[in-house]
């Protein structure tokens, strides 16, 4: 029995020391892991943040370029008939959108959906402008005026809404 008590006198303090060491090592490893995660997140944000900002700039540029006012001004409607200008404008909107499709990776589904709706609204305005012209021989200027009139009549401006969505999502990062 005395042998057993002597053994316990040696084993219990050793077990307490081992358990204490175990807790210290686990605490140290946990803190190191947290530190590595913070460093990794910092490195990722330093890499991804400029890319996200560039994506936001590109989406804002897309939305500004496809506004009916800017779109028609760039196309120089005086040189074309309405039947020539219509496919040109549609093609330009689609090319702009297709060129920026990859930007959706950097934005929420809601923001990207608002951008897509803005593009669809511009296409609708262009098509409605063409349909509103009764004369097949209408000039590009007549077509441009019809687009401007329809654009002004629209109360729900999808382009402004999409721009606000993009800007508000960018502000989340700052």
N, C-alpha and C. Protein backbone atom coordinates (compact mmCIF):
# COMPACT_ATOMS: atom_id res chain seq x y z
N UNK A 1 0.81 -1.18 0.00
CA UNK A 1 0.00 0.00 0.00
C UNK A 1 0.87 1.27 0.00
N UNK A 2 1.95 1.21 0.78
CA UNK A 2 2.85 2.34 0.84
C UNK A 2 3.50 2.58 -0.53
N UNK A 3 3.77 1.52 -1.19
CA UNK A 3 4.33 1.61 -2.55
C UNK A 3 3.35 2.33 -3.47
N UNK A 4 2.10 2.02 -3.33
CA UNK A 4 1.04 2.63 -4.15
C UNK A 4 0.94 4.13 -3.85
N UNK A 5 1.03 4.54 -2.60
CA UNK A 5 0.97 5.96 -2.23
C UNK A 5 2.19 6.70 -2.76
N UNK A 6 3.35 6.07 -2.69
CA UNK A 6 4.56 6.70 -3.23
C UNK A 6 4.44 6.89 -4.75
N UNK A 7 3.86 5.89 -5.37
CA UNK A 7 3.66 5.97 -6.81
C UNK A 7 2.68 7.09 -7.16
N UNK A 8 1.63 7.21 -6.39
CA UNK A 8 0.66 8.28 -6.61
C UNK A 8 1.28 9.65 -6.39
N UNK A 9 2.18 9.77 -5.38
CA UNK A 9 2.85 11.03 -5.12
C UNK A 9 3.70 11.46 -6.31
N UNK A 10 4.19 10.53 -7.05
CA UNK A 10 5.00 10.85 -8.23
C UNK A 10 4.12 11.07 -9.48
N UNK A 11 3.13 10.26 -9.66
CA UNK A 11 2.32 10.29 -10.88
C UNK A 11 1.38 11.50 -10.90
N UNK A 12 0.74 11.83 -9.80
CA UNK A 12 -0.21 12.96 -9.79
C UNK A 12 0.45 14.29 -10.13
N UNK A 13 1.57 14.65 -9.52
CA UNK A 13 2.20 15.91 -9.94
C UNK A 13 2.67 15.88 -11.39
N UNK A 14 3.18 14.74 -11.83
CA UNK A 14 3.62 14.62 -13.23
C UNK A 14 2.44 14.77 -14.18
N UNK A 15 1.30 14.17 -13.81
CA UNK A 15 0.10 14.27 -14.65
C UNK A 15 -0.40 15.72 -14.68
N UNK A 16 -0.35 16.39 -13.54
CA UNK A 16 -0.79 17.79 -13.48
C UNK A 16 0.13 18.67 -14.34
N UNK A 17 1.43 18.41 -14.28
CA UNK A 17 2.37 19.18 -15.11
C UNK A 17 2.13 18.90 -16.59
N UNK A 18 1.95 17.64 -16.94
CA UNK A 18 1.67 17.28 -18.34
C UNK A 18 0.38 17.93 -18.83
N UNK A 19 -0.66 17.91 -18.01
CA UNK A 19 -1.93 18.51 -18.39
C UNK A 19 -1.77 20.03 -18.57
N UNK A 20 -1.02 20.64 -17.67
CA UNK A 20 -0.75 22.08 -17.78
C UNK A 20 0.00 22.39 -19.06
N UNK A 21 1.00 21.58 -19.37
CA UNK A 21 1.77 21.77 -20.60
C UNK A 21 0.88 21.59 -21.83
N UNK A 22 0.00 20.60 -21.76
CA UNK A 22 -0.94 20.36 -22.86
C UNK A 22 -1.80 21.59 -23.09
N UNK A 23 -2.34 22.19 -22.03
CA UNK A 23 -3.17 23.38 -22.17
C UNK A 23 -2.38 24.56 -22.73
N UNK A 24 -1.16 24.74 -22.29
CA UNK A 24 -0.32 25.84 -22.79
C UNK A 24 -0.02 25.65 -24.27
N UNK A 25 0.35 24.45 -24.67
CA UNK A 25 0.67 24.18 -26.08
C UNK A 25 -0.57 24.37 -26.96
N UNK A 26 -1.73 23.85 -26.50
CA UNK A 26 -2.95 23.99 -27.29
C UNK A 26 -3.35 25.46 -27.43
N UNK A 27 -3.20 26.23 -26.37
CA UNK A 27 -3.50 27.65 -26.41
C UNK A 27 -2.56 28.36 -27.39
N UNK A 28 -1.29 28.02 -27.33
CA UNK A 28 -0.31 28.62 -28.23
C UNK A 28 -0.63 28.28 -29.69
N UNK A 29 -0.93 27.01 -29.96
CA UNK A 29 -1.25 26.60 -31.33
C UNK A 29 -2.53 27.27 -31.83
N UNK A 30 -3.51 27.41 -30.96
CA UNK A 30 -4.75 28.07 -31.34
C UNK A 30 -4.51 29.53 -31.70
N UNK A 31 -3.72 30.22 -30.91
CA UNK A 31 -3.41 31.62 -31.20
C UNK A 31 -2.60 31.76 -32.47
N UNK A 32 -1.68 30.85 -32.69
CA UNK A 32 -0.88 30.88 -33.92
C UNK A 32 -1.77 30.66 -35.15
N UNK A 33 -2.72 29.74 -35.03
CA UNK A 33 -3.65 29.47 -36.14
C UNK A 33 -4.50 30.70 -36.43
N UNK A 34 -4.99 31.36 -35.39
CA UNK A 34 -5.78 32.58 -35.57
C UNK A 34 -4.93 33.68 -36.22
N UNK A 35 -3.69 33.78 -35.78
CA UNK A 35 -2.78 34.78 -36.35
C UNK A 35 -2.54 34.51 -37.84
N UNK A 36 -2.35 33.24 -38.19
CA UNK A 36 -2.13 32.88 -39.60
C UNK A 36 -3.38 33.18 -40.43
N UNK A 37 -4.57 32.92 -39.88
CA UNK A 37 -5.81 33.22 -40.60
C UNK A 37 -5.97 34.73 -40.82
N UNK A 38 -5.65 35.51 -39.82
CA UNK A 38 -5.73 36.96 -39.96
C UNK A 38 -4.74 37.44 -41.03
N UNK A 39 -3.53 36.91 -41.01
CA UNK A 39 -2.53 37.27 -42.03
C UNK A 39 -3.00 36.87 -43.42
N UNK A 40 -3.59 35.70 -43.53
CA UNK A 40 -4.09 35.24 -44.83
C UNK A 40 -5.23 36.12 -45.32
N UNK A 41 -6.13 36.49 -44.43
CA UNK A 41 -7.23 37.37 -44.82
C UNK A 41 -6.72 38.75 -45.23
N UNK A 42 -5.73 39.23 -44.53
CA UNK A 42 -5.14 40.53 -44.88
C UNK A 42 -4.49 40.47 -46.25
N UNK A 43 -3.74 39.41 -46.51
CA UNK A 43 -3.11 39.26 -47.83
C UNK A 43 -4.16 39.13 -48.92
N UNK A 44 -5.23 38.37 -48.66
CA UNK A 44 -6.29 38.23 -49.64
C UNK A 44 -6.99 39.55 -49.91
N UNK A 45 -7.26 40.29 -48.86
CA UNK A 45 -7.94 41.57 -49.06
C UNK A 45 -7.04 42.55 -49.81
N UNK A 46 -5.73 42.49 -49.57
CA UNK A 46 -4.82 43.36 -50.30
C UNK A 46 -4.76 42.98 -51.77
N UNK A 47 -4.98 41.74 -52.08
CA UNK A 47 -4.96 41.28 -53.46
C UNK A 47 -6.31 41.49 -54.13
N UNK A 48 -7.37 41.16 -53.44
CA UNK A 48 -8.70 41.17 -54.04
C UNK A 48 -9.32 42.56 -54.07
N UNK A 49 -9.03 43.39 -53.09
CA UNK A 49 -9.64 44.72 -53.04
C UNK A 49 -9.41 45.54 -54.30
N UNK A 50 -8.19 45.65 -54.81
CA UNK A 50 -8.00 46.41 -56.05
C UNK A 50 -8.77 45.80 -57.23
N UNK A 51 -8.85 44.48 -57.26
CA UNK A 51 -9.58 43.84 -58.35
C UNK A 51 -11.07 44.15 -58.24
N UNK A 52 -11.60 44.12 -57.02
CA UNK A 52 -13.02 44.45 -56.83
C UNK A 52 -13.30 45.90 -57.20
N UNK A 53 -12.39 46.79 -56.83
CA UNK A 53 -12.57 48.19 -57.18
C UNK A 53 -12.53 48.39 -58.69
N UNK A 54 -11.64 47.69 -59.34
CA UNK A 54 -11.56 47.78 -60.80
C UNK A 54 -12.84 47.23 -61.43
N UNK A 55 -13.38 46.15 -60.87
CA UNK A 55 -14.63 45.59 -61.38
C UNK A 55 -15.77 46.59 -61.19
N UNK A 56 -15.80 47.27 -60.07
CA UNK A 56 -16.83 48.28 -59.83
C UNK A 56 -16.70 49.44 -60.81
N UNK A 57 -15.47 49.83 -61.07
CA UNK A 57 -15.25 50.90 -62.06
C UNK A 57 -15.75 50.48 -63.43
N UNK A 58 -15.46 49.25 -63.80
CA UNK A 58 -15.89 48.76 -65.11
C UNK A 58 -17.41 48.68 -65.21
N UNK A 59 -18.06 48.26 -64.13
CA UNK A 59 -19.53 48.20 -64.16
C UNK A 59 -20.13 49.61 -64.23
N UNK A 60 -19.55 50.53 -63.49
CA UNK A 60 -20.04 51.92 -63.57
C UNK A 60 -19.84 52.48 -64.97
N UNK A 61 -18.71 52.19 -65.55
CA UNK A 61 -18.44 52.64 -66.92
C UNK A 61 -19.43 52.00 -67.90
N UNK A 62 -19.68 50.72 -67.75
CA UNK A 62 -20.67 50.04 -68.58
C UNK A 62 -22.02 50.74 -68.48
N UNK A 63 -22.47 50.98 -67.26
CA UNK A 63 -23.79 51.59 -67.06
C UNK A 63 -23.84 53.01 -67.62
N UNK A 64 -22.76 53.75 -67.47
CA UNK A 64 -22.74 55.10 -68.03
C UNK A 64 -22.71 55.07 -69.56
N UNK A 65 -21.98 54.14 -70.12
CA UNK A 65 -21.87 54.06 -71.58
C UNK A 65 -23.17 53.63 -72.24
N UNK A 66 -23.98 52.83 -71.54
CA UNK A 66 -25.22 52.36 -72.18
C UNK A 66 -26.44 53.23 -71.86
N UNK A 67 -26.25 54.30 -71.10
CA UNK A 67 -27.39 55.19 -70.93
C UNK A 67 -27.80 55.69 -72.31
N UNK A 68 -29.11 55.76 -72.56
CA UNK A 68 -29.55 56.14 -73.91
C UNK A 68 -28.93 57.44 -74.40
N UNK A 69 -28.79 58.40 -73.52
CA UNK A 69 -28.22 59.68 -73.90
C UNK A 69 -26.79 59.52 -74.43
N UNK A 70 -25.94 58.84 -73.67
CA UNK A 70 -24.54 58.65 -74.08
C UNK A 70 -24.43 57.73 -75.28
N UNK A 71 -25.25 56.71 -75.31
CA UNK A 71 -25.22 55.73 -76.40
C UNK A 71 -25.53 56.39 -77.74
N UNK A 72 -26.57 57.20 -77.77
CA UNK A 72 -26.97 57.86 -79.01
C UNK A 72 -25.95 58.90 -79.42
N UNK A 73 -25.43 59.65 -78.47
CA UNK A 73 -24.43 60.67 -78.82
C UNK A 73 -23.19 60.07 -79.45
N UNK A 74 -22.74 58.93 -78.92
CA UNK A 74 -21.53 58.29 -79.47
C UNK A 74 -21.76 57.74 -80.87
N UNK A 75 -22.99 57.39 -81.18
CA UNK A 75 -23.25 56.73 -82.47
C UNK A 75 -23.40 57.71 -83.62
N UNK A 76 -23.51 59.01 -83.34
CA UNK A 76 -23.66 60.03 -84.37
C UNK A 76 -24.87 59.73 -85.27
N UNK A 77 -26.07 59.96 -84.78
CA UNK A 77 -27.29 59.58 -85.50
C UNK A 77 -27.52 60.34 -86.81
N UNK A 78 -26.85 61.46 -87.02
CA UNK A 78 -27.04 62.22 -88.26
C UNK A 78 -26.59 61.44 -89.49
N UNK A 79 -25.66 60.54 -89.32
CA UNK A 79 -25.07 59.84 -90.47
C UNK A 79 -25.86 58.62 -90.90
N UNK A 80 -26.82 58.18 -90.10
CA UNK A 80 -27.49 56.91 -90.37
C UNK A 80 -29.00 57.08 -90.41
N UNK A 81 -29.63 56.13 -91.07
CA UNK A 81 -31.09 56.08 -91.01
C UNK A 81 -31.48 55.31 -89.74
N UNK A 82 -32.75 55.38 -89.40
CA UNK A 82 -33.22 54.68 -88.20
C UNK A 82 -33.02 53.18 -88.32
N UNK A 83 -33.24 52.65 -89.53
CA UNK A 83 -33.08 51.21 -89.72
C UNK A 83 -31.62 50.78 -89.64
N UNK A 84 -30.69 51.67 -89.92
CA UNK A 84 -29.27 51.35 -89.77
C UNK A 84 -28.80 51.55 -88.32
N UNK A 85 -29.35 52.56 -87.67
CA UNK A 85 -28.93 52.91 -86.32
C UNK A 85 -29.43 51.90 -85.28
N UNK A 86 -30.61 51.37 -85.50
CA UNK A 86 -31.22 50.44 -84.54
C UNK A 86 -30.31 49.24 -84.24
N UNK A 87 -29.89 48.47 -85.26
CA UNK A 87 -29.01 47.33 -84.95
C UNK A 87 -27.64 47.76 -84.40
N UNK A 88 -27.17 48.93 -84.80
CA UNK A 88 -25.88 49.41 -84.28
C UNK A 88 -25.96 49.64 -82.78
N UNK A 89 -27.04 50.29 -82.34
CA UNK A 89 -27.19 50.57 -80.92
C UNK A 89 -27.36 49.29 -80.12
N UNK A 90 -28.19 48.38 -80.62
CA UNK A 90 -28.37 47.10 -79.93
C UNK A 90 -27.06 46.34 -79.83
N UNK A 91 -26.32 46.33 -80.91
CA UNK A 91 -25.03 45.63 -80.94
C UNK A 91 -24.05 46.25 -79.95
N UNK A 92 -24.04 47.56 -79.88
CA UNK A 92 -23.12 48.22 -78.95
C UNK A 92 -23.46 47.90 -77.50
N UNK A 93 -24.76 47.90 -77.17
CA UNK A 93 -25.17 47.57 -75.80
C UNK A 93 -24.78 46.13 -75.47
N UNK A 94 -25.04 45.23 -76.38
CA UNK A 94 -24.72 43.81 -76.13
C UNK A 94 -23.22 43.59 -76.03
N UNK A 95 -22.45 44.26 -76.87
CA UNK A 95 -20.99 44.12 -76.79
C UNK A 95 -20.45 44.65 -75.47
N UNK A 96 -20.95 45.80 -75.04
CA UNK A 96 -20.54 46.36 -73.75
C UNK A 96 -20.84 45.38 -72.62
N UNK A 97 -22.04 44.84 -72.65
CA UNK A 97 -22.45 43.91 -71.59
C UNK A 97 -21.60 42.64 -71.64
N UNK A 98 -21.44 42.07 -72.81
CA UNK A 98 -20.65 40.84 -72.94
C UNK A 98 -19.19 41.06 -72.54
N UNK A 99 -18.69 42.24 -72.81
CA UNK A 99 -17.31 42.55 -72.46
C UNK A 99 -17.11 42.58 -70.94
N UNK A 100 -18.19 42.86 -70.21
CA UNK A 100 -18.10 42.99 -68.75
C UNK A 100 -18.77 41.86 -67.99
N UNK A 101 -19.09 40.78 -68.66
CA UNK A 101 -19.77 39.66 -68.00
C UNK A 101 -18.97 39.08 -66.84
N UNK A 102 -17.68 39.06 -66.97
CA UNK A 102 -16.85 38.44 -65.92
C UNK A 102 -16.88 39.22 -64.61
N UNK A 103 -17.35 40.45 -64.63
CA UNK A 103 -17.37 41.27 -63.41
C UNK A 103 -18.39 40.76 -62.39
N UNK A 104 -19.31 39.92 -62.84
CA UNK A 104 -20.34 39.42 -61.92
C UNK A 104 -19.74 38.59 -60.78
N UNK A 105 -18.54 38.08 -60.99
CA UNK A 105 -17.87 37.28 -59.96
C UNK A 105 -17.62 38.09 -58.69
N UNK A 106 -17.42 39.39 -58.85
CA UNK A 106 -17.02 40.24 -57.73
C UNK A 106 -18.20 40.91 -57.02
N UNK A 107 -19.44 40.62 -57.47
CA UNK A 107 -20.60 41.29 -56.90
C UNK A 107 -21.65 40.29 -56.48
N UNK A 108 -22.52 40.76 -55.61
CA UNK A 108 -23.62 39.91 -55.14
C UNK A 108 -24.59 39.66 -56.29
N UNK A 109 -25.38 38.63 -56.14
CA UNK A 109 -26.37 38.30 -57.16
C UNK A 109 -27.37 39.43 -57.36
N UNK A 110 -27.72 40.09 -56.28
CA UNK A 110 -28.69 41.19 -56.37
C UNK A 110 -28.13 42.35 -57.19
N UNK A 111 -26.89 42.69 -56.95
CA UNK A 111 -26.26 43.79 -57.69
C UNK A 111 -26.11 43.43 -59.16
N UNK A 112 -25.67 42.22 -59.43
CA UNK A 112 -25.51 41.81 -60.82
C UNK A 112 -26.87 41.77 -61.53
N UNK A 113 -27.89 41.34 -60.84
CA UNK A 113 -29.23 41.29 -61.43
C UNK A 113 -29.71 42.70 -61.76
N UNK A 114 -29.39 43.68 -60.93
CA UNK A 114 -29.79 45.06 -61.22
C UNK A 114 -29.05 45.58 -62.46
N UNK A 115 -27.79 45.19 -62.63
CA UNK A 115 -27.04 45.58 -63.82
C UNK A 115 -27.65 44.94 -65.06
N UNK A 116 -27.99 43.67 -64.95
CA UNK A 116 -28.61 42.96 -66.08
C UNK A 116 -29.96 43.58 -66.45
N UNK A 117 -30.74 43.95 -65.43
CA UNK A 117 -32.03 44.59 -65.69
C UNK A 117 -31.85 45.95 -66.37
N UNK A 118 -30.81 46.67 -65.99
CA UNK A 118 -30.54 47.96 -66.62
C UNK A 118 -30.22 47.79 -68.10
N UNK A 119 -29.42 46.78 -68.41
CA UNK A 119 -29.09 46.50 -69.81
C UNK A 119 -30.36 46.13 -70.58
N UNK A 120 -31.19 45.29 -69.99
CA UNK A 120 -32.44 44.90 -70.65
C UNK A 120 -33.36 46.09 -70.85
N UNK A 121 -33.38 47.01 -69.90
CA UNK A 121 -34.23 48.19 -70.05
C UNK A 121 -33.75 49.05 -71.21
N UNK A 122 -32.45 49.21 -71.35
CA UNK A 122 -31.91 50.00 -72.46
C UNK A 122 -32.27 49.35 -73.79
N UNK A 123 -32.15 48.02 -73.86
CA UNK A 123 -32.53 47.31 -75.09
C UNK A 123 -34.02 47.53 -75.37
N UNK A 124 -34.84 47.49 -74.35
CA UNK A 124 -36.27 47.72 -74.51
C UNK A 124 -36.55 49.13 -75.00
N UNK A 125 -35.86 50.11 -74.44
CA UNK A 125 -36.04 51.51 -74.87
C UNK A 125 -35.66 51.66 -76.34
N UNK A 126 -34.57 51.04 -76.74
CA UNK A 126 -34.14 51.13 -78.14
C UNK A 126 -35.19 50.49 -79.04
N UNK A 127 -35.67 49.32 -78.66
CA UNK A 127 -36.68 48.65 -79.48
C UNK A 127 -37.99 49.42 -79.53
N UNK A 128 -38.41 49.98 -78.39
CA UNK A 128 -39.64 50.78 -78.38
C UNK A 128 -39.47 52.05 -79.22
N UNK A 129 -38.28 52.64 -79.18
CA UNK A 129 -38.02 53.81 -80.01
C UNK A 129 -38.14 53.49 -81.49
N UNK A 130 -37.66 52.33 -81.87
CA UNK A 130 -37.76 51.92 -83.28
C UNK A 130 -39.22 51.63 -83.65
N UNK A 131 -39.95 51.00 -82.75
CA UNK A 131 -41.36 50.68 -83.03
C UNK A 131 -42.22 51.93 -83.09
N UNK A 132 -41.83 52.97 -82.37
CA UNK A 132 -42.65 54.19 -82.34
C UNK A 132 -42.56 54.98 -83.64
N UNK A 133 -41.56 54.70 -84.44
CA UNK A 133 -41.41 55.40 -85.71
C UNK A 133 -42.34 54.77 -86.75
N UNK A 134 -43.26 55.57 -87.25
CA UNK A 134 -44.20 55.04 -88.24
C UNK A 134 -43.57 54.94 -89.62
N UNK A 135 -42.67 55.82 -89.90
CA UNK A 135 -42.08 55.91 -91.22
C UNK A 135 -40.84 55.00 -91.29
N UNK A 136 -40.81 54.13 -92.27
CA UNK A 136 -39.64 53.25 -92.46
C UNK A 136 -38.43 54.04 -92.93
N UNK A 137 -38.66 55.20 -93.49
CA UNK A 137 -37.57 56.04 -94.00
C UNK A 137 -37.13 57.07 -92.96
N UNK A 138 -37.44 56.83 -91.70
CA UNK A 138 -37.09 57.79 -90.65
C UNK A 138 -35.57 57.91 -90.54
N UNK A 139 -35.15 59.09 -90.15
CA UNK A 139 -33.72 59.34 -90.03
C UNK A 139 -33.22 58.88 -88.66
N UNK A 140 -31.93 58.85 -88.54
CA UNK A 140 -31.32 58.50 -87.27
C UNK A 140 -31.65 59.52 -86.19
N UNK A 141 -31.82 60.77 -86.59
CA UNK A 141 -32.18 61.82 -85.63
C UNK A 141 -33.59 61.60 -85.10
N UNK A 142 -34.52 61.19 -85.98
CA UNK A 142 -35.89 60.88 -85.54
C UNK A 142 -35.85 59.74 -84.52
N UNK A 143 -35.04 58.75 -84.82
CA UNK A 143 -34.90 57.60 -83.93
C UNK A 143 -34.30 58.03 -82.59
N UNK A 144 -33.29 58.88 -82.64
CA UNK A 144 -32.66 59.38 -81.41
C UNK A 144 -33.66 60.16 -80.58
N UNK A 145 -34.47 60.99 -81.21
CA UNK A 145 -35.49 61.76 -80.49
C UNK A 145 -36.50 60.83 -79.84
N UNK A 146 -36.88 59.77 -80.54
CA UNK A 146 -37.83 58.80 -79.98
C UNK A 146 -37.23 58.10 -78.77
N UNK A 147 -35.95 57.75 -78.86
CA UNK A 147 -35.27 57.10 -77.73
C UNK A 147 -35.21 58.04 -76.53
N UNK A 148 -34.87 59.30 -76.79
CA UNK A 148 -34.81 60.28 -75.70
C UNK A 148 -36.18 60.46 -75.05
N UNK A 149 -37.22 60.54 -75.86
CA UNK A 149 -38.57 60.73 -75.33
C UNK A 149 -38.99 59.55 -74.45
N UNK A 150 -38.73 58.35 -74.93
CA UNK A 150 -39.10 57.16 -74.14
C UNK A 150 -38.26 57.10 -72.87
N UNK A 151 -37.01 57.43 -72.97
CA UNK A 151 -36.12 57.41 -71.81
C UNK A 151 -36.58 58.40 -70.75
N UNK A 152 -37.02 59.57 -71.17
CA UNK A 152 -37.51 60.58 -70.23
C UNK A 152 -38.84 60.17 -69.60
N UNK A 153 -39.66 59.44 -70.34
CA UNK A 153 -40.97 59.00 -69.81
C UNK A 153 -40.84 57.90 -68.78
N UNK A 154 -39.75 57.16 -68.82
CA UNK A 154 -39.58 56.06 -67.87
C UNK A 154 -39.39 56.61 -66.47
N UNK A 155 -40.25 56.20 -65.55
CA UNK A 155 -40.15 56.68 -64.18
C UNK A 155 -39.17 55.84 -63.37
N UNK A 156 -39.09 54.57 -63.68
CA UNK A 156 -38.23 53.66 -62.94
C UNK A 156 -36.91 53.53 -63.70
N UNK A 157 -35.90 54.24 -63.25
CA UNK A 157 -34.62 54.27 -63.96
C UNK A 157 -33.73 53.14 -63.46
N UNK A 158 -33.65 52.08 -64.22
CA UNK A 158 -32.88 50.90 -63.82
C UNK A 158 -31.38 51.18 -63.81
N UNK A 159 -30.92 52.06 -64.66
CA UNK A 159 -29.49 52.36 -64.70
C UNK A 159 -29.06 53.07 -63.42
N UNK A 160 -29.83 54.04 -62.97
CA UNK A 160 -29.50 54.73 -61.71
C UNK A 160 -29.54 53.77 -60.54
N UNK A 161 -30.54 52.90 -60.54
CA UNK A 161 -30.65 51.92 -59.46
C UNK A 161 -29.44 50.99 -59.45
N UNK A 162 -29.04 50.52 -60.63
CA UNK A 162 -27.88 49.62 -60.72
C UNK A 162 -26.60 50.34 -60.27
N UNK A 163 -26.45 51.59 -60.65
CA UNK A 163 -25.27 52.36 -60.20
C UNK A 163 -25.26 52.49 -58.69
N UNK A 164 -26.42 52.75 -58.09
CA UNK A 164 -26.49 52.84 -56.63
C UNK A 164 -26.14 51.51 -55.99
N UNK A 165 -26.59 50.41 -56.58
CA UNK A 165 -26.28 49.08 -56.05
C UNK A 165 -24.78 48.82 -56.07
N UNK A 166 -24.16 49.12 -57.20
CA UNK A 166 -22.70 48.90 -57.33
C UNK A 166 -21.95 49.76 -56.31
N UNK A 167 -22.32 51.03 -56.22
CA UNK A 167 -21.64 51.93 -55.30
C UNK A 167 -21.85 51.51 -53.85
N UNK A 168 -23.05 51.11 -53.51
CA UNK A 168 -23.29 50.70 -52.11
C UNK A 168 -22.53 49.43 -51.77
N UNK A 169 -22.39 48.53 -52.74
CA UNK A 169 -21.62 47.31 -52.47
C UNK A 169 -20.13 47.62 -52.31
N UNK A 170 -19.63 48.58 -53.06
CA UNK A 170 -18.24 48.98 -52.92
C UNK A 170 -18.01 49.63 -51.56
N UNK A 171 -18.98 50.40 -51.10
CA UNK A 171 -18.85 51.08 -49.81
C UNK A 171 -18.80 50.09 -48.65
N UNK A 172 -19.28 48.88 -48.85
CA UNK A 172 -19.20 47.87 -47.79
C UNK A 172 -17.75 47.50 -47.47
N UNK A 173 -16.87 47.67 -48.43
CA UNK A 173 -15.47 47.29 -48.23
C UNK A 173 -14.65 48.38 -47.56
N UNK A 174 -15.22 49.56 -47.40
CA UNK A 174 -14.46 50.67 -46.80
C UNK A 174 -15.06 51.11 -45.50
